[in-house]
Amino acid sequence: MRKILMGCVTLAALALASSANAGPSERTLSGAAIGAGAGAVVAGPVGAVAGGVVGAVVGGPRITRSSRTCWYDRDGYRHCRSR
């Protein structure tokens, strides 16, 4: 009975996460991984599922750099250029 319940919760979490966004972004995937890891440490398998869902909804840190390059000139003014 417990395995069936865990399977249903996992499928519901995956369906919820996939319906929230059309395609997974880097923030969704990193948030799910961080949340699942933290939940597994705190509450075991149930915490991993719950943490993964919460992490996917909230989102994780931005990993890639922005597409802009910024610098300061001699007078202290900031300039930015898109790549």
N, C-alpha and C. Protein backbone atom coordinates (compact mmCIF):
# COMPACT_ATOMS: atom_id res chain seq x y z
N MET A 1 0.81 -1.19 0.00
CA MET A 1 0.00 0.00 0.00
C MET A 1 0.86 1.26 0.00
N ARG A 2 1.95 1.22 0.76
CA ARG A 2 2.82 2.39 0.84
C ARG A 2 3.52 2.66 -0.50
N LYS A 3 3.92 1.59 -1.19
CA LYS A 3 4.58 1.77 -2.49
C LYS A 3 3.62 2.33 -3.52
N ILE A 4 2.38 1.91 -3.46
CA ILE A 4 1.38 2.45 -4.38
C ILE A 4 1.16 3.93 -4.12
N LEU A 5 1.08 4.30 -2.85
CA LEU A 5 0.91 5.71 -2.48
C LEU A 5 2.10 6.54 -2.94
N MET A 6 3.31 6.05 -2.73
CA MET A 6 4.50 6.78 -3.18
C MET A 6 4.53 6.91 -4.69
N GLY A 7 4.12 5.89 -5.41
CA GLY A 7 4.06 5.97 -6.86
C GLY A 7 3.06 7.00 -7.33
N CYS A 8 1.90 7.05 -6.68
CA CYS A 8 0.88 8.04 -7.05
C CYS A 8 1.34 9.46 -6.75
N VAL A 9 2.01 9.64 -5.62
CA VAL A 9 2.52 10.97 -5.27
C VAL A 9 3.59 11.39 -6.26
N THR A 10 4.47 10.49 -6.64
CA THR A 10 5.52 10.80 -7.60
C THR A 10 4.94 11.16 -8.96
N LEU A 11 3.97 10.40 -9.43
CA LEU A 11 3.35 10.71 -10.71
C LEU A 11 2.60 12.03 -10.66
N ALA A 12 1.92 12.31 -9.56
CA ALA A 12 1.22 13.59 -9.44
C ALA A 12 2.20 14.76 -9.42
N ALA A 13 3.33 14.57 -8.75
CA ALA A 13 4.34 15.63 -8.70
C ALA A 13 4.93 15.89 -10.08
N LEU A 14 5.20 14.83 -10.81
CA LEU A 14 5.74 14.99 -12.16
C LEU A 14 4.73 15.64 -13.10
N ALA A 15 3.47 15.27 -12.96
CA ALA A 15 2.44 15.87 -13.80
C ALA A 15 2.27 17.34 -13.47
N LEU A 16 2.32 17.69 -12.20
CA LEU A 16 2.20 19.08 -11.79
C LEU A 16 3.38 19.90 -12.27
N ALA A 17 4.57 19.37 -12.14
CA ALA A 17 5.75 20.10 -12.56
C ALA A 17 5.80 20.27 -14.07
N SER A 18 5.36 19.26 -14.81
CA SER A 18 5.41 19.38 -16.26
C SER A 18 4.31 20.27 -16.81
N SER A 19 3.20 20.36 -16.10
CA SER A 19 2.13 21.23 -16.59
C SER A 19 2.36 22.68 -16.23
N ALA A 20 3.21 22.94 -15.24
CA ALA A 20 3.47 24.32 -14.83
C ALA A 20 4.24 25.07 -15.90
N ASN A 21 5.20 24.44 -16.53
CA ASN A 21 6.01 25.07 -17.57
C ASN A 21 5.95 24.20 -18.82
N ALA A 22 5.96 24.84 -19.97
CA ALA A 22 5.92 24.09 -21.22
C ALA A 22 7.20 23.28 -21.40
N GLY A 23 8.34 23.89 -21.10
CA GLY A 23 9.61 23.19 -21.20
C GLY A 23 10.43 23.47 -19.96
N PRO A 24 11.20 22.49 -19.51
CA PRO A 24 11.97 22.72 -18.30
C PRO A 24 13.12 23.69 -18.55
N SER A 25 13.24 24.70 -17.71
CA SER A 25 14.34 25.63 -17.81
C SER A 25 15.44 25.20 -16.86
N GLU A 26 16.56 25.87 -16.93
CA GLU A 26 17.67 25.52 -16.05
C GLU A 26 17.32 25.78 -14.59
N ARG A 27 16.52 26.81 -14.33
CA ARG A 27 16.14 27.12 -12.96
C ARG A 27 15.19 26.07 -12.40
N THR A 28 14.31 25.53 -13.23
CA THR A 28 13.38 24.50 -12.79
C THR A 28 14.14 23.22 -12.43
N LEU A 29 15.05 22.83 -13.28
CA LEU A 29 15.79 21.59 -13.04
C LEU A 29 16.73 21.71 -11.85
N SER A 30 17.42 22.84 -11.74
CA SER A 30 18.33 22.98 -10.60
C SER A 30 17.55 23.11 -9.29
N GLY A 31 16.40 23.78 -9.32
CA GLY A 31 15.58 23.88 -8.12
C GLY A 31 15.05 22.53 -7.68
N ALA A 32 14.64 21.72 -8.64
CA ALA A 32 14.14 20.38 -8.31
C ALA A 32 15.25 19.52 -7.73
N ALA A 33 16.44 19.61 -8.28
CA ALA A 33 17.56 18.81 -7.77
C ALA A 33 17.96 19.25 -6.36
N ILE A 34 18.03 20.55 -6.14
CA ILE A 34 18.40 21.04 -4.81
C ILE A 34 17.32 20.68 -3.79
N GLY A 35 16.07 20.87 -4.16
CA GLY A 35 14.96 20.56 -3.25
C GLY A 35 14.88 19.08 -2.93
N ALA A 36 15.09 18.23 -3.92
CA ALA A 36 15.04 16.79 -3.69
C ALA A 36 16.18 16.35 -2.79
N GLY A 37 17.36 16.90 -2.98
CA GLY A 37 18.49 16.55 -2.12
C GLY A 37 18.27 16.98 -0.69
N ALA A 38 17.79 18.20 -0.50
CA ALA A 38 17.54 18.70 0.86
C ALA A 38 16.40 17.92 1.51
N GLY A 39 15.36 17.63 0.76
CA GLY A 39 14.24 16.87 1.32
C GLY A 39 14.62 15.45 1.69
N ALA A 40 15.50 14.84 0.90
CA ALA A 40 15.93 13.48 1.20
C ALA A 40 16.75 13.43 2.48
N VAL A 41 17.55 14.45 2.71
CA VAL A 41 18.35 14.49 3.93
C VAL A 41 17.46 14.68 5.15
N VAL A 42 16.45 15.54 5.03
CA VAL A 42 15.62 15.88 6.18
C VAL A 42 14.57 14.81 6.46
N ALA A 43 13.84 14.35 5.43
CA ALA A 43 12.68 13.49 5.68
C ALA A 43 12.68 12.19 4.88
N GLY A 44 13.76 11.83 4.26
CA GLY A 44 13.82 10.57 3.53
C GLY A 44 13.14 10.64 2.17
N PRO A 45 12.62 9.51 1.68
CA PRO A 45 12.03 9.46 0.33
C PRO A 45 10.83 10.39 0.16
N VAL A 46 9.99 10.49 1.17
CA VAL A 46 8.83 11.37 1.06
C VAL A 46 9.29 12.83 0.97
N GLY A 47 10.29 13.18 1.74
CA GLY A 47 10.85 14.52 1.69
C GLY A 47 11.51 14.82 0.37
N ALA A 48 12.12 13.80 -0.25
CA ALA A 48 12.74 14.00 -1.55
C ALA A 48 11.71 14.36 -2.61
N VAL A 49 10.57 13.67 -2.57
CA VAL A 49 9.51 13.98 -3.54
C VAL A 49 8.94 15.37 -3.29
N ALA A 50 8.64 15.65 -2.03
CA ALA A 50 8.06 16.95 -1.70
C ALA A 50 9.06 18.07 -1.99
N GLY A 51 10.31 17.89 -1.62
CA GLY A 51 11.33 18.90 -1.88
C GLY A 51 11.57 19.11 -3.36
N GLY A 52 11.51 18.04 -4.14
CA GLY A 52 11.67 18.17 -5.59
C GLY A 52 10.55 18.98 -6.22
N VAL A 53 9.33 18.75 -5.76
CA VAL A 53 8.19 19.49 -6.31
C VAL A 53 8.28 20.96 -5.92
N VAL A 54 8.55 21.22 -4.64
CA VAL A 54 8.66 22.62 -4.19
C VAL A 54 9.83 23.31 -4.89
N GLY A 55 10.95 22.63 -5.03
CA GLY A 55 12.10 23.22 -5.71
C GLY A 55 11.84 23.51 -7.17
N ALA A 56 11.07 22.65 -7.83
CA ALA A 56 10.75 22.89 -9.23
C ALA A 56 9.81 24.07 -9.39
N VAL A 57 8.88 24.23 -8.45
CA VAL A 57 7.94 25.34 -8.54
C VAL A 57 8.64 26.66 -8.22
N VAL A 58 9.45 26.67 -7.17
CA VAL A 58 10.12 27.91 -6.75
C VAL A 58 11.25 28.25 -7.71
N GLY A 59 12.02 27.27 -8.13
CA GLY A 59 13.14 27.51 -9.03
C GLY A 59 14.44 27.62 -8.28
N GLY A 60 15.51 27.34 -8.96
CA GLY A 60 16.82 27.39 -8.35
C GLY A 60 17.61 28.59 -8.80
N PRO A 61 18.88 28.62 -8.47
CA PRO A 61 19.71 29.76 -8.87
C PRO A 61 20.00 29.74 -10.36
N ARG A 62 20.24 30.89 -10.91
CA ARG A 62 20.61 31.00 -12.32
C ARG A 62 22.07 30.57 -12.46
N ILE A 63 22.33 29.59 -13.31
CA ILE A 63 23.66 29.02 -13.42
C ILE A 63 24.47 29.70 -14.53
N THR A 64 23.86 29.94 -15.65
CA THR A 64 24.59 30.54 -16.77
C THR A 64 24.77 32.02 -16.56
N ARG A 65 25.75 32.56 -17.22
CA ARG A 65 26.00 34.00 -17.15
C ARG A 65 25.01 34.74 -18.03
N SER A 66 24.85 35.99 -17.75
CA SER A 66 23.92 36.76 -18.56
C SER A 66 24.56 37.02 -19.93
N SER A 67 23.75 37.45 -20.86
CA SER A 67 24.24 37.68 -22.21
C SER A 67 24.76 39.11 -22.38
N ARG A 68 24.94 39.82 -21.26
CA ARG A 68 25.45 41.18 -21.34
C ARG A 68 26.82 41.26 -20.70
N THR A 69 27.64 42.12 -21.25
CA THR A 69 28.95 42.41 -20.69
C THR A 69 28.95 43.85 -20.23
N CYS A 70 29.30 44.08 -18.97
CA CYS A 70 29.30 45.44 -18.43
C CYS A 70 30.68 45.79 -17.91
N TRP A 71 31.03 47.08 -17.98
CA TRP A 71 32.29 47.56 -17.46
C TRP A 71 32.15 49.02 -17.06
N TYR A 72 33.10 49.51 -16.29
CA TYR A 72 33.14 50.90 -15.86
C TYR A 72 34.27 51.61 -16.59
N ASP A 73 34.01 52.79 -17.09
CA ASP A 73 35.07 53.55 -17.76
C ASP A 73 35.88 54.34 -16.73
N ARG A 74 36.81 55.15 -17.22
CA ARG A 74 37.69 55.90 -16.32
C ARG A 74 36.95 56.90 -15.46
N ASP A 75 35.81 57.39 -15.95
CA ASP A 75 35.03 58.37 -15.19
C ASP A 75 34.05 57.73 -14.22
N GLY A 76 33.99 56.40 -14.18
CA GLY A 76 33.12 55.71 -13.26
C GLY A 76 31.74 55.40 -13.80
N TYR A 77 31.52 55.65 -15.10
CA TYR A 77 30.22 55.36 -15.71
C TYR A 77 30.17 53.90 -16.14
N ARG A 78 29.02 53.29 -15.93
CA ARG A 78 28.84 51.89 -16.30
C ARG A 78 28.32 51.80 -17.73
N HIS A 79 28.91 50.92 -18.51
CA HIS A 79 28.50 50.66 -19.88
C HIS A 79 28.22 49.17 -20.02
N CYS A 80 27.15 48.84 -20.75
CA CYS A 80 26.79 47.44 -20.99
C CYS A 80 26.58 47.21 -22.47
N ARG A 81 26.95 46.02 -22.91
CA ARG A 81 26.77 45.64 -24.31
C ARG A 81 26.26 44.21 -24.36
N SER A 82 25.26 43.98 -25.20
CA SER A 82 24.74 42.61 -25.39
C SER A 82 25.69 41.85 -26.28
N ARG A 83 25.78 40.56 -26.02
CA ARG A 83 26.67 39.71 -26.85
C ARG A 83 25.93 39.16 -28.02
